[in-house]
Structures are given as C-alpha cells and as structure tokens.
Amino acid sequence: MTDETGNLILEYMRKFERTLADMRADMHDMRDDIRDLGKRTTNVEEQLSILNRRMDRFDDRLSRIEKRLDLVEG
C-alpha cells in the first residue's frame, strides 16, 4: 500500500469518525429532548387530572343546586 493510499484511507477514517461523533451528539440531544417531552406530557396529564376532578366537583355541586331548587326530578 502506497503512502497516498494510506493517507487517503486515513483521511476517510477521520471524516467517518467526525461524522460519527456528530451523530452521537445529535442522538444525545434527541434523547434529552425526548426526556423533556416525557416530563411535559406527565405535567399536562397531571394538570388534566386536576381539572377533571374540579369539573366533577362542579357537576356534583350543580346537581345538588338543581335538586334544591326543584329544577330536576329526583
């Protein structure tokens, strides 16, 4: 193998290593983004659950008010 061929192979290997390092960094960033999305999704689900409980309480209260005012049968 001549020096030119060896240098060419070495150059391609270095370029490949740089590309691989860039891909690893991108994957690391993507994993962080996915974790953040998971946390945000959990937060939204918790807030939705809180809102649903509040709506249930409003519904119960409204039903009691309707019964007291004889607006509904029962």
N, C-alpha and C. Protein backbone atom coordinates (compact mmCIF):
# COMPACT_ATOMS: atom_id res chain seq x y z
N MET A 1 0.87 -1.17 0.00
CA MET A 1 0.00 0.00 0.00
C MET A 1 0.91 1.23 0.00
N THR A 2 0.66 2.13 -0.92
CA THR A 2 1.48 3.33 -1.03
C THR A 2 1.08 4.33 0.03
N ASP A 3 1.93 5.33 0.24
CA ASP A 3 1.64 6.37 1.21
C ASP A 3 0.38 7.15 0.84
N GLU A 4 0.18 7.36 -0.46
CA GLU A 4 -1.02 8.08 -0.90
C GLU A 4 -2.28 7.32 -0.54
N THR A 5 -2.27 6.06 -0.79
CA THR A 5 -3.44 5.23 -0.47
C THR A 5 -3.67 5.21 1.03
N GLY A 6 -2.60 5.05 1.80
CA GLY A 6 -2.71 5.05 3.25
C GLY A 6 -3.24 6.37 3.77
N ASN A 7 -2.76 7.47 3.21
CA ASN A 7 -3.23 8.80 3.63
C ASN A 7 -4.70 9.00 3.27
N LEU A 8 -5.09 8.51 2.10
CA LEU A 8 -6.47 8.63 1.66
C LEU A 8 -7.40 7.85 2.60
N ILE A 9 -6.99 6.63 2.93
CA ILE A 9 -7.78 5.82 3.86
C ILE A 9 -7.86 6.51 5.21
N LEU A 10 -6.74 7.02 5.69
CA LEU A 10 -6.72 7.72 6.97
C LEU A 10 -7.63 8.94 6.95
N GLU A 11 -7.63 9.67 5.86
CA GLU A 11 -8.49 10.85 5.72
C GLU A 11 -9.97 10.45 5.78
N TYR A 12 -10.32 9.38 5.07
CA TYR A 12 -11.70 8.90 5.10
C TYR A 12 -12.10 8.41 6.49
N MET A 13 -11.18 7.75 7.17
CA MET A 13 -11.48 7.27 8.52
C MET A 13 -11.68 8.43 9.48
N ARG A 14 -10.89 9.47 9.36
CA ARG A 14 -11.06 10.65 10.22
C ARG A 14 -12.40 11.33 9.94
N LYS A 15 -12.73 11.43 8.66
CA LYS A 15 -14.02 12.03 8.30
C LYS A 15 -15.16 11.19 8.86
N PHE A 16 -15.03 9.87 8.77
CA PHE A 16 -16.04 8.97 9.30
C PHE A 16 -16.16 9.15 10.82
N GLU A 17 -15.05 9.26 11.51
CA GLU A 17 -15.07 9.45 12.97
C GLU A 17 -15.74 10.77 13.34
N ARG A 18 -15.47 11.83 12.58
CA ARG A 18 -16.12 13.12 12.86
C ARG A 18 -17.62 13.03 12.65
N THR A 19 -18.00 12.38 11.56
CA THR A 19 -19.43 12.20 11.28
C THR A 19 -20.10 11.39 12.37
N LEU A 20 -19.45 10.34 12.81
CA LEU A 20 -19.98 9.50 13.87
C LEU A 20 -20.10 10.29 15.18
N ALA A 21 -19.11 11.11 15.48
CA ALA A 21 -19.16 11.93 16.69
C ALA A 21 -20.33 12.92 16.62
N ASP A 22 -20.53 13.52 15.45
CA ASP A 22 -21.66 14.43 15.26
C ASP A 22 -22.99 13.70 15.46
N MET A 23 -23.07 12.49 14.91
CA MET A 23 -24.30 11.71 15.05
C MET A 23 -24.56 11.35 16.52
N ARG A 24 -23.51 11.01 17.24
CA ARG A 24 -23.66 10.70 18.67
C ARG A 24 -24.15 11.92 19.43
N ALA A 25 -23.61 13.08 19.13
CA ALA A 25 -24.04 14.31 19.80
C ALA A 25 -25.50 14.60 19.48
N ASP A 26 -25.87 14.41 18.23
CA ASP A 26 -27.27 14.61 17.84
C ASP A 26 -28.19 13.65 18.57
N MET A 27 -27.78 12.40 18.69
CA MET A 27 -28.59 11.40 19.39
C MET A 27 -28.72 11.77 20.88
N HIS A 28 -27.66 12.26 21.45
CA HIS A 28 -27.70 12.68 22.85
C HIS A 28 -28.70 13.82 23.02
N ASP A 29 -28.65 14.79 22.11
CA ASP A 29 -29.60 15.90 22.16
C ASP A 29 -31.04 15.41 21.98
N MET A 30 -31.22 14.47 21.07
CA MET A 30 -32.56 13.94 20.84
C MET A 30 -33.08 13.21 22.08
N ARG A 31 -32.21 12.46 22.75
CA ARG A 31 -32.62 11.77 23.97
C ARG A 31 -33.03 12.77 25.04
N ASP A 32 -32.28 13.85 25.17
CA ASP A 32 -32.65 14.90 26.13
C ASP A 32 -34.00 15.51 25.78
N ASP A 33 -34.21 15.77 24.49
CA ASP A 33 -35.49 16.33 24.05
C ASP A 33 -36.65 15.38 24.35
N ILE A 34 -36.43 14.10 24.13
CA ILE A 34 -37.48 13.11 24.39
C ILE A 34 -37.78 13.05 25.88
N ARG A 35 -36.75 13.11 26.71
CA ARG A 35 -36.98 13.13 28.16
C ARG A 35 -37.78 14.36 28.56
N ASP A 36 -37.43 15.51 28.00
CA ASP A 36 -38.18 16.74 28.29
C ASP A 36 -39.64 16.61 27.86
N LEU A 37 -39.86 16.03 26.69
CA LEU A 37 -41.23 15.83 26.23
C LEU A 37 -42.00 14.90 27.17
N GLY A 38 -41.33 13.88 27.66
CA GLY A 38 -41.96 12.98 28.60
C GLY A 38 -42.36 13.70 29.88
N LYS A 39 -41.47 14.55 30.37
CA LYS A 39 -41.78 15.31 31.58
C LYS A 39 -42.95 16.27 31.34
N ARG A 40 -42.93 16.92 30.20
CA ARG A 40 -44.02 17.85 29.87
C ARG A 40 -45.34 17.11 29.72
N THR A 41 -45.30 15.96 29.09
CA THR A 41 -46.51 15.16 28.92
C THR A 41 -47.07 14.74 30.28
N THR A 42 -46.19 14.33 31.17
CA THR A 42 -46.62 13.96 32.52
C THR A 42 -47.25 15.14 33.22
N ASN A 43 -46.65 16.31 33.07
CA ASN A 43 -47.20 17.51 33.70
C ASN A 43 -48.59 17.85 33.14
N VAL A 44 -48.73 17.74 31.83
CA VAL A 44 -50.03 18.01 31.21
C VAL A 44 -51.07 17.01 31.71
N GLU A 45 -50.70 15.75 31.82
CA GLU A 45 -51.63 14.73 32.31
C GLU A 45 -52.04 15.01 33.74
N GLU A 46 -51.10 15.44 34.57
CA GLU A 46 -51.42 15.78 35.96
C GLU A 46 -52.38 16.96 36.02
N GLN A 47 -52.11 17.98 35.21
CA GLN A 47 -52.99 19.15 35.20
C GLN A 47 -54.38 18.78 34.69
N LEU A 48 -54.44 17.93 33.69
CA LEU A 48 -55.73 17.48 33.17
C LEU A 48 -56.51 16.71 34.23
N SER A 49 -55.82 15.89 34.98
CA SER A 49 -56.45 15.14 36.05
C SER A 49 -57.03 16.08 37.11
N ILE A 50 -56.27 17.10 37.46
CA ILE A 50 -56.74 18.10 38.43
C ILE A 50 -57.99 18.80 37.90
N LEU A 51 -57.95 19.20 36.65
CA LEU A 51 -59.11 19.87 36.05
C LEU A 51 -60.33 18.95 35.99
N ASN A 52 -60.10 17.68 35.69
CA ASN A 52 -61.22 16.74 35.66
C ASN A 52 -61.85 16.59 37.04
N ARG A 53 -61.03 16.52 38.07
CA ARG A 53 -61.58 16.42 39.43
C ARG A 53 -62.38 17.66 39.78
N ARG A 54 -61.88 18.82 39.40
CA ARG A 54 -62.61 20.06 39.67
C ARG A 54 -63.94 20.09 38.93
N MET A 55 -63.93 19.66 37.67
CA MET A 55 -65.17 19.62 36.90
C MET A 55 -66.17 18.65 37.53
N ASP A 56 -65.68 17.53 38.03
CA ASP A 56 -66.56 16.57 38.70
C ASP A 56 -67.21 17.21 39.93
N ARG A 57 -66.42 17.95 40.68
CA ARG A 57 -66.98 18.62 41.87
C ARG A 57 -68.00 19.68 41.47
N PHE A 58 -67.72 20.42 40.40
CA PHE A 58 -68.69 21.40 39.90
C PHE A 58 -69.99 20.71 39.49
N ASP A 59 -69.85 19.59 38.83
CA ASP A 59 -71.03 18.84 38.40
C ASP A 59 -71.85 18.38 39.61
N ASP A 60 -71.18 17.87 40.62
CA ASP A 60 -71.88 17.44 41.84
C ASP A 60 -72.60 18.62 42.50
N ARG A 61 -71.90 19.73 42.59
CA ARG A 61 -72.50 20.91 43.22
C ARG A 61 -73.69 21.41 42.41
N LEU A 62 -73.56 21.44 41.11
CA LEU A 62 -74.66 21.89 40.25
C LEU A 62 -75.86 20.97 40.39
N SER A 63 -75.62 19.67 40.47
CA SER A 63 -76.72 18.71 40.64
C SER A 63 -77.44 18.96 41.96
N ARG A 64 -76.69 19.21 43.03
CA ARG A 64 -77.32 19.50 44.32
C ARG A 64 -78.14 20.78 44.26
N ILE A 65 -77.61 21.79 43.60
CA ILE A 65 -78.34 23.06 43.48
C ILE A 65 -79.64 22.86 42.70
N GLU A 66 -79.55 22.12 41.60
CA GLU A 66 -80.75 21.85 40.79
C GLU A 66 -81.80 21.11 41.60
N LYS A 67 -81.39 20.14 42.40
CA LYS A 67 -82.35 19.39 43.22
C LYS A 67 -82.99 20.29 44.26
N ARG A 68 -82.19 21.13 44.91
CA ARG A 68 -82.72 22.02 45.94
C ARG A 68 -83.73 23.03 45.37
N LEU A 69 -83.50 23.45 44.15
CA LEU A 69 -84.41 24.41 43.53
C LEU A 69 -85.53 23.73 42.76
N ASP A 70 -85.59 22.42 42.87
CA ASP A 70 -86.61 21.63 42.16
C ASP A 70 -86.59 21.89 40.65
N LEU A 71 -85.40 21.98 40.12
CA LEU A 71 -85.26 22.18 38.67
C LEU A 71 -85.19 20.85 37.92
N VAL A 72 -84.95 19.78 38.67
CA VAL A 72 -84.89 18.44 38.06
C VAL A 72 -85.70 17.49 38.91
N GLU A 73 -86.10 16.40 38.31
CA GLU A 73 -86.83 15.39 39.06
C GLU A 73 -85.84 14.52 39.82
N GLY A 74 -86.21 14.12 40.99
CA GLY A 74 -85.37 13.20 41.71
C GLY A 74 -85.03 13.72 43.02
